[in-house]
Amino acid sequence: MDFNAWGQSSSQRWLLVGLAALGLWLVFALGGRPAVVSTWHGDAALQSMAPKSAPPAPLTGLFTKEVPHTTGLAADPHDPNQPWGNPTDTTAAVMTQGYGVGTHAPAAVWGAIDIAIDGNRDGEADPRGSDGAPIYATMRGVVKLAPNSVPAGNHIWVTGDHWKTGYSHLKAFAAQDSQVVERGTLIGYMGATGEASGPHLDYQVWHDGVNQNPLELGALP
């Protein structure tokens, strides 16, 4: 047997094995990793979710804060004819767009805040926790429904003598047109109808035809 030839052949075989292993490593390193499967099921999953039920009980615990007097208005959280409090009635509410910025500018025309629900308490809006969340009136007034409006989708006005509050992008209504509601009455469910990138509530406040900042009227817990 020619030991030198055998050794040379063995070296070649080991070289080929090494090159093949290197090739496999490069395939996985440069794009061959297994795909990460998302747990998000898309809009179809959201649309299949039924609105969450909630009793039309008065809101509790969100109407006792001191009011920042920056608007010059005599804001009174104990006056049921005046808007006050968080329309979601939950400490899990988070603001996803502020007053007078982005699509809420100029504030004199489009002033509002966007509210969603942080269902898993990670500090970010949770689409699944937001979709179908109950929405409550923040003042006494008469309901005016505007289904399938643009850009607000399913929209509700609650109107009193001097104040008016708006609730946009609702998934469904819980109040009737021309119904008189009190602060804390269940009026709808959070959704993404109209021009919305995801389930949330666009919440507006008006006083004698002038747009107001809801944050100054207890809109977030």
N, C-alpha and C. Protein backbone atom coordinates (compact mmCIF):
# COMPACT_ATOMS: atom_id res chain seq x y z
N MET A 1 0.85 -1.20 0.00
CA MET A 1 0.00 0.00 0.00
C MET A 1 0.87 1.23 0.00
N ASP A 2 0.48 2.22 -0.78
CA ASP A 2 1.22 3.48 -0.85
C ASP A 2 0.68 4.40 0.24
N PHE A 3 1.39 4.43 1.41
CA PHE A 3 0.92 5.22 2.54
C PHE A 3 0.91 6.70 2.24
N ASN A 4 1.82 7.18 1.44
CA ASN A 4 1.84 8.61 1.09
C ASN A 4 0.58 8.99 0.29
N ALA A 5 0.18 8.14 -0.66
CA ALA A 5 -1.01 8.42 -1.46
C ALA A 5 -2.26 8.39 -0.59
N TRP A 6 -2.28 7.37 0.36
CA TRP A 6 -3.44 7.29 1.25
C TRP A 6 -3.57 8.54 2.11
N GLY A 7 -2.45 9.01 2.64
CA GLY A 7 -2.47 10.22 3.48
C GLY A 7 -2.93 11.42 2.69
N GLN A 8 -2.48 11.52 1.43
CA GLN A 8 -2.89 12.66 0.61
C GLN A 8 -4.38 12.59 0.33
N SER A 9 -4.92 11.41 0.03
CA SER A 9 -6.35 11.25 -0.23
C SER A 9 -7.16 11.58 1.01
N SER A 10 -6.68 11.12 2.16
CA SER A 10 -7.39 11.40 3.42
C SER A 10 -7.43 12.89 3.70
N SER A 11 -6.34 13.57 3.46
CA SER A 11 -6.30 15.03 3.67
C SER A 11 -7.28 15.73 2.77
N GLN A 12 -7.38 15.26 1.54
CA GLN A 12 -8.32 15.87 0.60
C GLN A 12 -9.75 15.66 1.06
N ARG A 13 -10.00 14.41 1.57
CA ARG A 13 -11.36 14.15 2.05
C ARG A 13 -11.72 15.05 3.23
N TRP A 14 -10.78 15.21 4.16
CA TRP A 14 -11.04 16.08 5.32
C TRP A 14 -11.22 17.53 4.89
N LEU A 15 -10.48 17.95 3.85
CA LEU A 15 -10.63 19.31 3.33
C LEU A 15 -12.02 19.50 2.76
N LEU A 16 -12.49 18.51 2.00
CA LEU A 16 -13.84 18.61 1.43
C LEU A 16 -14.91 18.66 2.51
N VAL A 17 -14.74 17.84 3.56
CA VAL A 17 -15.69 17.85 4.67
C VAL A 17 -15.72 19.21 5.35
N GLY A 18 -14.55 19.80 5.53
CA GLY A 18 -14.48 21.12 6.16
C GLY A 18 -15.15 22.19 5.32
N LEU A 19 -14.89 22.13 4.00
CA LEU A 19 -15.53 23.12 3.12
C LEU A 19 -17.04 22.98 3.11
N ALA A 20 -17.52 21.74 3.14
CA ALA A 20 -18.98 21.51 3.16
C ALA A 20 -19.58 22.06 4.45
N ALA A 21 -18.91 21.84 5.58
CA ALA A 21 -19.42 22.36 6.87
C ALA A 21 -19.45 23.88 6.86
N LEU A 22 -18.37 24.49 6.31
CA LEU A 22 -18.33 25.94 6.22
C LEU A 22 -19.47 26.48 5.36
N GLY A 23 -19.75 25.78 4.24
CA GLY A 23 -20.84 26.20 3.36
C GLY A 23 -22.19 26.16 4.07
N LEU A 24 -22.43 25.08 4.83
CA LEU A 24 -23.69 24.99 5.57
C LEU A 24 -23.81 26.09 6.60
N TRP A 25 -22.69 26.39 7.28
CA TRP A 25 -22.71 27.47 8.28
C TRP A 25 -23.03 28.81 7.64
N LEU A 26 -22.45 29.08 6.45
CA LEU A 26 -22.72 30.35 5.77
C LEU A 26 -24.17 30.45 5.34
N VAL A 27 -24.77 29.34 4.90
CA VAL A 27 -26.18 29.37 4.48
C VAL A 27 -27.07 29.80 5.62
N PHE A 28 -26.83 29.22 6.83
CA PHE A 28 -27.67 29.57 7.97
C PHE A 28 -27.36 30.96 8.49
N ALA A 29 -26.08 31.36 8.45
CA ALA A 29 -25.69 32.67 8.98
C ALA A 29 -26.16 33.79 8.10
N LEU A 30 -26.27 33.58 6.79
CA LEU A 30 -26.59 34.67 5.86
C LEU A 30 -28.02 34.61 5.34
N GLY A 31 -28.90 34.00 6.05
CA GLY A 31 -30.29 34.07 5.60
C GLY A 31 -31.04 32.77 5.69
N GLY A 32 -30.40 31.73 6.16
CA GLY A 32 -31.08 30.47 6.22
C GLY A 32 -31.69 30.17 7.57
N ARG A 33 -31.71 31.17 8.50
CA ARG A 33 -32.30 30.93 9.81
C ARG A 33 -33.79 30.65 9.66
N PRO A 34 -34.33 29.83 10.55
CA PRO A 34 -35.78 29.57 10.49
C PRO A 34 -36.56 30.86 10.70
N ALA A 35 -37.67 31.05 10.00
CA ALA A 35 -38.48 32.25 10.12
C ALA A 35 -39.12 32.32 11.50
N VAL A 36 -39.21 33.53 12.04
CA VAL A 36 -39.89 33.75 13.32
C VAL A 36 -41.37 33.94 13.04
N VAL A 37 -42.20 33.15 13.65
CA VAL A 37 -43.63 33.20 13.40
C VAL A 37 -44.26 34.21 14.34
N SER A 38 -44.98 35.18 13.78
CA SER A 38 -45.65 36.20 14.58
C SER A 38 -46.88 35.62 15.25
N THR A 39 -47.18 36.16 16.45
CA THR A 39 -48.40 35.76 17.14
C THR A 39 -49.57 36.65 16.78
N TRP A 40 -49.35 37.67 15.92
CA TRP A 40 -50.42 38.59 15.53
C TRP A 40 -51.23 37.95 14.42
N HIS A 41 -52.54 37.91 14.55
CA HIS A 41 -53.41 37.23 13.60
C HIS A 41 -54.09 38.17 12.63
N GLY A 42 -53.74 39.44 12.68
CA GLY A 42 -54.23 40.38 11.67
C GLY A 42 -55.62 40.92 11.93
N ASP A 43 -56.09 41.73 10.99
CA ASP A 43 -57.36 42.41 11.15
C ASP A 43 -58.53 41.42 11.21
N ALA A 44 -58.41 40.30 10.52
CA ALA A 44 -59.52 39.35 10.52
C ALA A 44 -59.80 38.85 11.93
N ALA A 45 -58.73 38.66 12.71
CA ALA A 45 -58.92 38.21 14.08
C ALA A 45 -59.60 39.28 14.91
N LEU A 46 -59.21 40.53 14.70
CA LEU A 46 -59.84 41.62 15.44
C LEU A 46 -61.31 41.73 15.09
N GLN A 47 -61.62 41.64 13.80
CA GLN A 47 -63.00 41.80 13.38
C GLN A 47 -63.89 40.68 13.90
N SER A 48 -63.30 39.52 14.20
CA SER A 48 -64.09 38.41 14.68
C SER A 48 -64.35 38.48 16.17
N MET A 49 -63.68 39.41 16.84
CA MET A 49 -63.84 39.50 18.29
C MET A 49 -65.13 40.26 18.61
N ALA A 50 -65.95 39.73 19.46
CA ALA A 50 -67.20 40.39 19.84
C ALA A 50 -66.90 41.52 20.80
N PRO A 51 -67.67 42.62 20.77
CA PRO A 51 -67.47 43.70 21.72
C PRO A 51 -67.60 43.19 23.15
N LYS A 52 -66.77 43.72 24.02
CA LYS A 52 -66.84 43.33 25.41
C LYS A 52 -68.08 43.96 26.05
N SER A 53 -68.77 43.18 26.83
CA SER A 53 -69.95 43.71 27.49
C SER A 53 -69.54 44.41 28.77
N ALA A 54 -70.29 45.43 29.15
CA ALA A 54 -70.04 46.15 30.39
C ALA A 54 -71.34 46.79 30.84
N PRO A 55 -71.62 46.76 32.13
CA PRO A 55 -72.86 47.35 32.60
C PRO A 55 -72.80 48.87 32.53
N PRO A 56 -73.93 49.53 32.22
CA PRO A 56 -73.94 50.98 32.13
C PRO A 56 -73.98 51.62 33.51
N ALA A 57 -72.98 51.26 34.34
CA ALA A 57 -72.93 51.80 35.69
C ALA A 57 -72.14 53.10 35.69
N PRO A 58 -72.40 53.96 36.68
CA PRO A 58 -71.64 55.23 36.74
C PRO A 58 -70.16 54.97 36.88
N LEU A 59 -69.34 55.85 36.31
CA LEU A 59 -67.90 55.73 36.47
C LEU A 59 -67.54 56.00 37.93
N THR A 60 -66.48 55.36 38.36
CA THR A 60 -66.06 55.54 39.75
C THR A 60 -64.57 55.85 39.79
N GLY A 61 -64.20 56.73 40.68
CA GLY A 61 -62.80 56.96 40.99
C GLY A 61 -62.05 57.86 40.05
N LEU A 62 -62.66 58.30 38.93
CA LEU A 62 -61.90 59.08 37.96
C LEU A 62 -62.38 60.53 37.88
N PHE A 63 -63.30 60.91 38.75
CA PHE A 63 -63.87 62.24 38.65
C PHE A 63 -63.59 63.10 39.89
N THR A 64 -62.53 62.80 40.60
CA THR A 64 -62.27 63.51 41.85
C THR A 64 -60.94 64.25 41.85
N LYS A 65 -60.25 64.30 40.71
CA LYS A 65 -58.96 64.98 40.65
C LYS A 65 -59.14 66.49 40.62
N GLU A 66 -58.09 67.19 41.02
CA GLU A 66 -58.09 68.64 40.86
C GLU A 66 -57.90 68.97 39.38
N VAL A 67 -58.54 70.02 38.92
CA VAL A 67 -58.48 70.41 37.52
C VAL A 67 -57.37 71.42 37.30
N PRO A 68 -56.46 71.21 36.33
CA PRO A 68 -55.47 72.24 36.00
C PRO A 68 -56.19 73.44 35.36
N HIS A 69 -56.11 74.59 35.97
CA HIS A 69 -56.84 75.75 35.47
C HIS A 69 -56.00 76.52 34.46
N THR A 70 -55.77 75.89 33.31
CA THR A 70 -54.96 76.54 32.28
C THR A 70 -55.81 77.06 31.14
N THR A 71 -57.09 76.68 31.11
CA THR A 71 -57.95 77.14 30.02
C THR A 71 -58.73 78.40 30.40
N GLY A 72 -58.72 78.73 31.68
CA GLY A 72 -59.53 79.86 32.12
C GLY A 72 -60.98 79.48 32.36
N LEU A 73 -61.34 78.21 32.09
CA LEU A 73 -62.70 77.75 32.32
C LEU A 73 -62.89 77.35 33.77
N ALA A 74 -64.09 77.55 34.27
CA ALA A 74 -64.40 77.15 35.64
C ALA A 74 -64.76 75.66 35.64
N ALA A 75 -63.76 74.81 35.43
CA ALA A 75 -63.99 73.37 35.34
C ALA A 75 -64.41 72.82 36.70
N ASP A 76 -65.47 72.05 36.72
CA ASP A 76 -66.01 71.49 37.96
C ASP A 76 -66.29 70.01 37.75
N PRO A 77 -65.46 69.12 38.30
CA PRO A 77 -65.67 67.68 38.10
C PRO A 77 -66.96 67.17 38.71
N HIS A 78 -67.59 67.95 39.56
CA HIS A 78 -68.83 67.51 40.20
C HIS A 78 -70.07 67.99 39.46
N ASP A 79 -69.89 68.76 38.40
CA ASP A 79 -71.01 69.23 37.60
C ASP A 79 -71.27 68.21 36.49
N PRO A 80 -72.38 67.47 36.54
CA PRO A 80 -72.61 66.42 35.54
C PRO A 80 -72.84 66.95 34.13
N ASN A 81 -73.10 68.25 34.00
CA ASN A 81 -73.32 68.84 32.68
C ASN A 81 -72.01 69.21 31.99
N GLN A 82 -70.91 69.02 32.68
CA GLN A 82 -69.59 69.38 32.16
C GLN A 82 -68.77 68.11 31.99
N PRO A 83 -68.02 67.97 30.89
CA PRO A 83 -67.21 66.76 30.72
C PRO A 83 -66.10 66.66 31.76
N TRP A 84 -65.93 65.48 32.27
CA TRP A 84 -64.84 65.23 33.21
C TRP A 84 -64.57 63.73 33.27
N GLY A 85 -63.30 63.37 33.24
CA GLY A 85 -62.91 61.98 33.44
C GLY A 85 -62.48 61.27 32.17
N ASN A 86 -62.11 60.03 32.39
CA ASN A 86 -61.60 59.17 31.32
C ASN A 86 -62.75 58.38 30.71
N PRO A 87 -63.01 58.54 29.40
CA PRO A 87 -64.14 57.84 28.79
C PRO A 87 -63.99 56.32 28.73
N THR A 88 -62.81 55.79 29.07
CA THR A 88 -62.65 54.33 29.13
C THR A 88 -62.82 53.80 30.55
N ASP A 89 -62.80 54.68 31.54
CA ASP A 89 -62.95 54.30 32.95
C ASP A 89 -62.01 53.17 33.35
N THR A 90 -60.74 53.30 32.98
CA THR A 90 -59.76 52.30 33.39
C THR A 90 -58.40 52.95 33.55
N THR A 91 -57.65 52.50 34.53
CA THR A 91 -56.29 53.00 34.71
C THR A 91 -55.33 52.40 33.68
N ALA A 92 -55.81 51.46 32.86
CA ALA A 92 -54.97 50.89 31.79
C ALA A 92 -54.99 51.73 30.54
N ALA A 93 -55.71 52.87 30.55
CA ALA A 93 -55.76 53.74 29.37
C ALA A 93 -54.42 54.42 29.14
N VAL A 94 -54.02 54.50 27.87
CA VAL A 94 -52.79 55.19 27.49
C VAL A 94 -53.10 56.13 26.31
N MET A 95 -52.38 57.23 26.24
CA MET A 95 -52.57 58.17 25.14
C MET A 95 -51.62 57.81 24.00
N THR A 96 -52.17 57.62 22.81
CA THR A 96 -51.35 57.26 21.66
C THR A 96 -51.07 58.44 20.74
N GLN A 97 -51.82 59.52 20.88
CA GLN A 97 -51.52 60.76 20.17
C GLN A 97 -52.06 61.93 20.99
N GLY A 98 -51.21 62.95 21.15
CA GLY A 98 -51.56 64.05 22.03
C GLY A 98 -52.43 65.10 21.38
N TYR A 99 -52.74 66.10 22.16
CA TYR A 99 -53.62 67.18 21.75
C TYR A 99 -52.88 68.18 20.86
N GLY A 100 -53.47 68.50 19.71
CA GLY A 100 -52.92 69.54 18.84
C GLY A 100 -51.69 69.13 18.07
N VAL A 101 -51.39 67.83 18.00
CA VAL A 101 -50.22 67.36 17.24
C VAL A 101 -50.67 66.30 16.24
N GLY A 102 -49.84 66.07 15.22
CA GLY A 102 -50.15 65.05 14.23
C GLY A 102 -51.47 65.33 13.54
N THR A 103 -52.34 64.34 13.48
CA THR A 103 -53.64 64.53 12.85
C THR A 103 -54.59 65.35 13.69
N HIS A 104 -54.17 65.75 14.88
CA HIS A 104 -55.00 66.59 15.75
C HIS A 104 -54.63 68.07 15.62
N ALA A 105 -53.90 68.41 14.61
CA ALA A 105 -53.55 69.81 14.35
C ALA A 105 -54.24 70.28 13.07
N PRO A 106 -54.69 71.55 13.04
CA PRO A 106 -54.63 72.51 14.15
C PRO A 106 -55.65 72.18 15.22
N ALA A 107 -55.31 72.48 16.47
CA ALA A 107 -56.17 72.12 17.59
C ALA A 107 -57.53 72.80 17.52
N ALA A 108 -57.59 73.99 16.96
CA ALA A 108 -58.86 74.71 16.89
C ALA A 108 -59.89 73.97 16.06
N VAL A 109 -59.41 73.10 15.14
CA VAL A 109 -60.32 72.36 14.26
C VAL A 109 -60.37 70.88 14.63
N TRP A 110 -59.20 70.27 14.81
CA TRP A 110 -59.11 68.82 15.00
C TRP A 110 -58.64 68.43 16.39
N GLY A 111 -58.59 69.38 17.32
CA GLY A 111 -58.07 69.08 18.65
C GLY A 111 -58.76 67.90 19.31
N ALA A 112 -57.98 66.95 19.77
CA ALA A 112 -58.48 65.73 20.41
C ALA A 112 -57.29 65.01 21.01
N ILE A 113 -57.55 63.95 21.74
CA ILE A 113 -56.50 63.01 22.12
C ILE A 113 -56.94 61.62 21.71
N ASP A 114 -55.97 60.76 21.39
CA ASP A 114 -56.25 59.36 21.07
C ASP A 114 -55.95 58.52 22.30
N ILE A 115 -56.90 57.67 22.66
CA ILE A 115 -56.76 56.81 23.83
C ILE A 115 -56.90 55.35 23.41
N ALA A 116 -56.01 54.51 23.91
CA ALA A 116 -56.10 53.07 23.71
C ALA A 116 -55.91 52.39 25.06
N ILE A 117 -55.94 51.07 25.06
CA ILE A 117 -55.83 50.31 26.30
C ILE A 117 -54.53 49.52 26.32
N ASP A 118 -53.81 49.62 27.42
CA ASP A 118 -52.60 48.82 27.65
C ASP A 118 -53.01 47.58 28.43
N GLY A 119 -53.55 46.60 27.70
CA GLY A 119 -54.12 45.43 28.35
C GLY A 119 -53.11 44.58 29.09
N ASN A 120 -51.87 44.52 28.60
CA ASN A 120 -50.86 43.69 29.26
C ASN A 120 -49.91 44.49 30.14
N ARG A 121 -50.22 45.79 30.31
CA ARG A 121 -49.50 46.67 31.24
C ARG A 121 -48.00 46.74 30.94
N ASP A 122 -47.66 46.79 29.65
CA ASP A 122 -46.25 46.95 29.30
C ASP A 122 -45.92 48.38 28.90
N GLY A 123 -46.87 49.28 29.07
CA GLY A 123 -46.65 50.69 28.77
C GLY A 123 -47.01 51.08 27.35
N GLU A 124 -47.44 50.12 26.54
CA GLU A 124 -47.78 50.39 25.15
C GLU A 124 -49.23 49.99 24.88
N ALA A 125 -49.84 50.64 23.87
CA ALA A 125 -51.20 50.29 23.49
C ALA A 125 -51.26 48.84 23.02
N ASP A 126 -52.28 48.15 23.43
CA ASP A 126 -52.47 46.74 23.10
C ASP A 126 -53.70 46.61 22.20
N PRO A 127 -53.52 46.27 20.90
CA PRO A 127 -54.68 46.19 20.00
C PRO A 127 -55.76 45.25 20.47
N ARG A 128 -55.38 44.11 21.00
CA ARG A 128 -56.38 43.15 21.45
C ARG A 128 -57.10 43.65 22.70
N GLY A 129 -56.36 44.30 23.58
CA GLY A 129 -56.99 44.84 24.78
C GLY A 129 -57.85 46.05 24.48
N SER A 130 -57.54 46.75 23.38
CA SER A 130 -58.29 47.96 23.02
C SER A 130 -59.56 47.65 22.26
N ASP A 131 -59.50 46.67 21.37
CA ASP A 131 -60.63 46.38 20.50
C ASP A 131 -61.84 45.92 21.31
N GLY A 132 -62.94 46.67 21.21
CA GLY A 132 -64.15 46.32 21.93
C GLY A 132 -64.23 46.84 23.35
N ALA A 133 -63.22 47.61 23.79
CA ALA A 133 -63.25 48.15 25.15
C ALA A 133 -64.43 49.11 25.31
N PRO A 134 -65.13 49.08 26.45
CA PRO A 134 -66.30 49.95 26.63
C PRO A 134 -65.93 51.42 26.71
N ILE A 135 -66.79 52.27 26.13
CA ILE A 135 -66.61 53.72 26.15
C ILE A 135 -67.83 54.34 26.84
N TYR A 136 -67.56 55.28 27.74
CA TYR A 136 -68.61 55.90 28.54
C TYR A 136 -68.68 57.40 28.26
N ALA A 137 -69.89 57.94 28.37
CA ALA A 137 -70.05 59.39 28.27
C ALA A 137 -69.38 60.05 29.46
N THR A 138 -68.77 61.21 29.22
CA THR A 138 -68.11 61.94 30.31
C THR A 138 -68.94 63.13 30.78
N MET A 139 -70.15 63.26 30.26
CA MET A 139 -71.03 64.36 30.66
C MET A 139 -72.48 63.99 30.37
N ARG A 140 -73.39 64.75 30.96
CA ARG A 140 -74.80 64.61 30.64
C ARG A 140 -75.09 65.32 29.32
N GLY A 141 -75.89 64.69 28.46
CA GLY A 141 -76.23 65.32 27.20
C GLY A 141 -77.06 64.43 26.32
N VAL A 142 -77.32 64.90 25.11
CA VAL A 142 -78.13 64.19 24.13
C VAL A 142 -77.21 63.55 23.10
N VAL A 143 -77.46 62.29 22.80
CA VAL A 143 -76.62 61.52 21.88
C VAL A 143 -77.02 61.81 20.43
N LYS A 144 -76.02 62.00 19.60
CA LYS A 144 -76.20 62.08 18.15
C LYS A 144 -75.26 61.08 17.50
N LEU A 145 -75.83 60.06 16.84
CA LEU A 145 -75.01 59.03 16.21
C LEU A 145 -74.68 59.41 14.77
N ALA A 146 -73.45 59.11 14.35
CA ALA A 146 -73.03 59.31 12.96
C ALA A 146 -72.30 58.05 12.51
N PRO A 147 -73.02 57.04 12.04
CA PRO A 147 -72.37 55.80 11.60
C PRO A 147 -71.63 55.98 10.28
N ASN A 148 -70.49 55.28 10.18
CA ASN A 148 -69.72 55.22 8.93
C ASN A 148 -69.36 56.61 8.38
N SER A 149 -69.03 57.53 9.26
CA SER A 149 -68.64 58.87 8.81
C SER A 149 -67.17 58.88 8.39
N VAL A 150 -66.78 59.95 7.73
CA VAL A 150 -65.39 60.12 7.30
C VAL A 150 -64.87 61.44 7.86
N PRO A 151 -63.75 61.43 8.59
CA PRO A 151 -62.83 60.31 8.82
C PRO A 151 -63.08 59.57 10.13
N ALA A 152 -64.16 59.90 10.84
CA ALA A 152 -64.34 59.43 12.22
C ALA A 152 -64.96 58.05 12.34
N GLY A 153 -65.39 57.43 11.24
CA GLY A 153 -66.02 56.13 11.35
C GLY A 153 -67.34 56.23 12.11
N ASN A 154 -67.58 55.26 12.97
CA ASN A 154 -68.77 55.30 13.84
C ASN A 154 -68.51 56.31 14.94
N HIS A 155 -69.26 57.40 14.92
CA HIS A 155 -68.98 58.55 15.78
C HIS A 155 -70.19 58.91 16.61
N ILE A 156 -69.94 59.41 17.83
CA ILE A 156 -71.01 59.89 18.71
C ILE A 156 -70.68 61.29 19.20
N TRP A 157 -71.67 62.17 19.13
CA TRP A 157 -71.64 63.45 19.84
C TRP A 157 -72.55 63.32 21.05
N VAL A 158 -72.08 63.80 22.20
CA VAL A 158 -72.94 64.00 23.36
C VAL A 158 -72.96 65.50 23.61
N THR A 159 -74.13 66.11 23.46
CA THR A 159 -74.24 67.57 23.45
C THR A 159 -75.11 68.06 24.59
N GLY A 160 -74.61 69.09 25.29
CA GLY A 160 -75.37 69.77 26.33
C GLY A 160 -75.59 71.22 25.95
N ASP A 161 -75.90 72.08 26.95
CA ASP A 161 -76.17 73.48 26.67
C ASP A 161 -74.91 74.23 26.23
N HIS A 162 -73.77 73.96 26.86
CA HIS A 162 -72.54 74.68 26.56
C HIS A 162 -71.39 73.75 26.15
N TRP A 163 -71.51 72.49 26.50
CA TRP A 163 -70.42 71.55 26.26
C TRP A 163 -70.84 70.49 25.24
N LYS A 164 -69.84 69.95 24.55
CA LYS A 164 -70.06 68.86 23.60
C LYS A 164 -68.82 67.97 23.61
N THR A 165 -69.04 66.66 23.64
CA THR A 165 -67.93 65.71 23.59
C THR A 165 -68.11 64.78 22.39
N GLY A 166 -66.99 64.42 21.75
CA GLY A 166 -67.02 63.56 20.57
C GLY A 166 -66.22 62.29 20.79
N TYR A 167 -66.73 61.18 20.27
CA TYR A 167 -66.13 59.86 20.44
C TYR A 167 -66.08 59.20 19.06
N SER A 168 -64.88 58.99 18.53
CA SER A 168 -64.72 58.52 17.14
C SER A 168 -64.14 57.12 17.06
N HIS A 169 -64.29 56.51 15.88
CA HIS A 169 -63.72 55.22 15.48
C HIS A 169 -64.32 54.05 16.26
N LEU A 170 -65.56 54.20 16.74
CA LEU A 170 -66.18 53.15 17.54
C LEU A 170 -66.45 51.89 16.73
N LYS A 171 -66.28 50.76 17.38
CA LYS A 171 -66.60 49.48 16.74
C LYS A 171 -68.11 49.29 16.66
N ALA A 172 -68.81 49.71 17.71
CA ALA A 172 -70.26 49.56 17.75
C ALA A 172 -70.83 50.59 18.71
N PHE A 173 -72.10 50.90 18.54
CA PHE A 173 -72.81 51.82 19.42
C PHE A 173 -73.50 51.03 20.53
N ALA A 174 -73.58 51.65 21.71
CA ALA A 174 -74.37 51.08 22.81
C ALA A 174 -75.50 52.01 23.20
N ALA A 175 -75.50 53.24 22.69
CA ALA A 175 -76.55 54.23 22.96
C ALA A 175 -77.39 54.42 21.70
N GLN A 176 -78.57 54.99 21.90
CA GLN A 176 -79.49 55.25 20.80
C GLN A 176 -79.45 56.72 20.40
N ASP A 177 -79.77 56.99 19.15
CA ASP A 177 -79.84 58.38 18.68
C ASP A 177 -80.90 59.13 19.49
N SER A 178 -80.57 60.34 19.91
CA SER A 178 -81.44 61.23 20.70
C SER A 178 -81.61 60.78 22.15
N GLN A 179 -80.90 59.76 22.57
CA GLN A 179 -80.97 59.31 23.96
C GLN A 179 -80.29 60.34 24.87
N VAL A 180 -80.88 60.60 26.01
CA VAL A 180 -80.26 61.46 27.03
C VAL A 180 -79.43 60.56 27.93
N VAL A 181 -78.14 60.85 28.02
CA VAL A 181 -77.24 60.02 28.81
C VAL A 181 -76.64 60.86 29.94
N GLU A 182 -76.20 60.17 30.96
CA GLU A 182 -75.51 60.79 32.09
C GLU A 182 -74.03 60.49 32.00
N ARG A 183 -73.25 61.22 32.74
CA ARG A 183 -71.83 60.89 32.86
C ARG A 183 -71.72 59.47 33.41
N GLY A 184 -71.00 58.63 32.71
CA GLY A 184 -70.84 57.24 33.11
C GLY A 184 -71.73 56.27 32.37
N THR A 185 -72.62 56.75 31.48
CA THR A 185 -73.45 55.85 30.69
C THR A 185 -72.63 55.19 29.59
N LEU A 186 -72.76 53.88 29.45
CA LEU A 186 -72.09 53.16 28.36
C LEU A 186 -72.69 53.62 27.04
N ILE A 187 -71.84 54.10 26.12
CA ILE A 187 -72.35 54.60 24.84
C ILE A 187 -71.80 53.85 23.63
N GLY A 188 -70.69 53.12 23.78
CA GLY A 188 -70.12 52.43 22.63
C GLY A 188 -68.94 51.58 23.00
N TYR A 189 -68.28 51.06 21.95
CA TYR A 189 -67.13 50.17 22.12
C TYR A 189 -65.99 50.64 21.21
N MET A 190 -64.80 50.63 21.75
CA MET A 190 -63.62 51.09 21.02
C MET A 190 -63.38 50.23 19.78
N GLY A 191 -63.00 50.90 18.69
CA GLY A 191 -62.74 50.18 17.45
C GLY A 191 -61.77 50.90 16.55
N ALA A 192 -61.82 50.59 15.27
CA ALA A 192 -60.90 51.17 14.29
C ALA A 192 -61.65 51.54 13.02
N THR A 193 -62.92 51.96 13.16
CA THR A 193 -63.69 52.36 11.98
C THR A 193 -63.24 53.73 11.48
N GLY A 194 -63.54 54.01 10.22
CA GLY A 194 -63.09 55.28 9.64
C GLY A 194 -61.60 55.23 9.34
N GLU A 195 -60.94 56.37 9.40
CA GLU A 195 -59.52 56.46 9.10
C GLU A 195 -58.74 56.25 10.40
N ALA A 196 -58.43 55.00 10.69
CA ALA A 196 -57.73 54.64 11.92
C ALA A 196 -56.73 53.53 11.62
N SER A 197 -55.55 53.63 12.21
CA SER A 197 -54.51 52.62 11.99
C SER A 197 -54.66 51.43 12.92
N GLY A 198 -55.52 51.54 13.91
CA GLY A 198 -55.74 50.46 14.85
C GLY A 198 -56.82 50.86 15.84
N PRO A 199 -57.29 49.95 16.67
CA PRO A 199 -58.36 50.28 17.60
C PRO A 199 -57.94 51.32 18.63
N HIS A 200 -58.69 52.41 18.71
CA HIS A 200 -58.45 53.46 19.68
C HIS A 200 -59.67 54.37 19.71
N LEU A 201 -59.68 55.28 20.65
CA LEU A 201 -60.75 56.28 20.75
C LEU A 201 -60.16 57.66 20.49
N ASP A 202 -60.73 58.39 19.54
CA ASP A 202 -60.43 59.80 19.33
C ASP A 202 -61.47 60.58 20.15
N TYR A 203 -60.99 61.29 21.17
CA TYR A 203 -61.90 61.94 22.13
C TYR A 203 -61.74 63.46 22.05
N GLN A 204 -62.85 64.14 21.76
CA GLN A 204 -62.85 65.60 21.62
C GLN A 204 -63.73 66.24 22.69
N VAL A 205 -63.38 67.48 23.06
CA VAL A 205 -64.19 68.28 23.97
C VAL A 205 -64.32 69.69 23.39
N TRP A 206 -65.55 70.22 23.40
CA TRP A 206 -65.84 71.57 22.91
C TRP A 206 -66.64 72.33 23.96
N HIS A 207 -66.36 73.63 24.08
CA HIS A 207 -67.11 74.50 24.99
C HIS A 207 -67.55 75.74 24.22
N ASP A 208 -68.86 75.89 24.05
CA ASP A 208 -69.41 77.03 23.31
C ASP A 208 -68.71 77.21 21.96
N GLY A 209 -68.49 76.09 21.27
CA GLY A 209 -67.91 76.11 19.93
C GLY A 209 -66.41 76.24 19.87
N VAL A 210 -65.73 76.22 21.02
CA VAL A 210 -64.27 76.33 21.07
C VAL A 210 -63.68 74.99 21.52
N ASN A 211 -62.74 74.48 20.75
CA ASN A 211 -62.11 73.20 21.07
C ASN A 211 -61.27 73.32 22.34
N GLN A 212 -61.37 72.31 23.20
CA GLN A 212 -60.65 72.30 24.47
C GLN A 212 -59.75 71.07 24.57
N ASN A 213 -58.73 71.17 25.43
CA ASN A 213 -57.81 70.06 25.65
C ASN A 213 -58.41 69.10 26.66
N PRO A 214 -58.76 67.87 26.25
CA PRO A 214 -59.37 66.92 27.20
C PRO A 214 -58.48 66.59 28.39
N LEU A 215 -57.16 66.74 28.23
CA LEU A 215 -56.25 66.43 29.34
C LEU A 215 -56.47 67.37 30.51
N GLU A 216 -57.01 68.54 30.26
CA GLU A 216 -57.27 69.48 31.33
C GLU A 216 -58.62 69.23 31.99
N LEU A 217 -59.28 68.20 31.52
CA LEU A 217 -60.58 67.83 32.08
C LEU A 217 -60.59 66.36 32.51
N GLY A 218 -59.44 65.92 33.02
CA GLY A 218 -59.35 64.58 33.62
C GLY A 218 -59.43 63.42 32.67
N ALA A 219 -59.03 63.62 31.39
CA ALA A 219 -59.24 62.59 30.39
C ALA A 219 -58.35 61.37 30.56
N LEU A 220 -57.26 61.47 31.31
CA LEU A 220 -56.43 60.30 31.55
C LEU A 220 -56.29 60.09 33.05
N PRO A 221 -56.28 58.82 33.50
CA PRO A 221 -56.19 58.54 34.94
C PRO A 221 -54.82 58.86 35.48
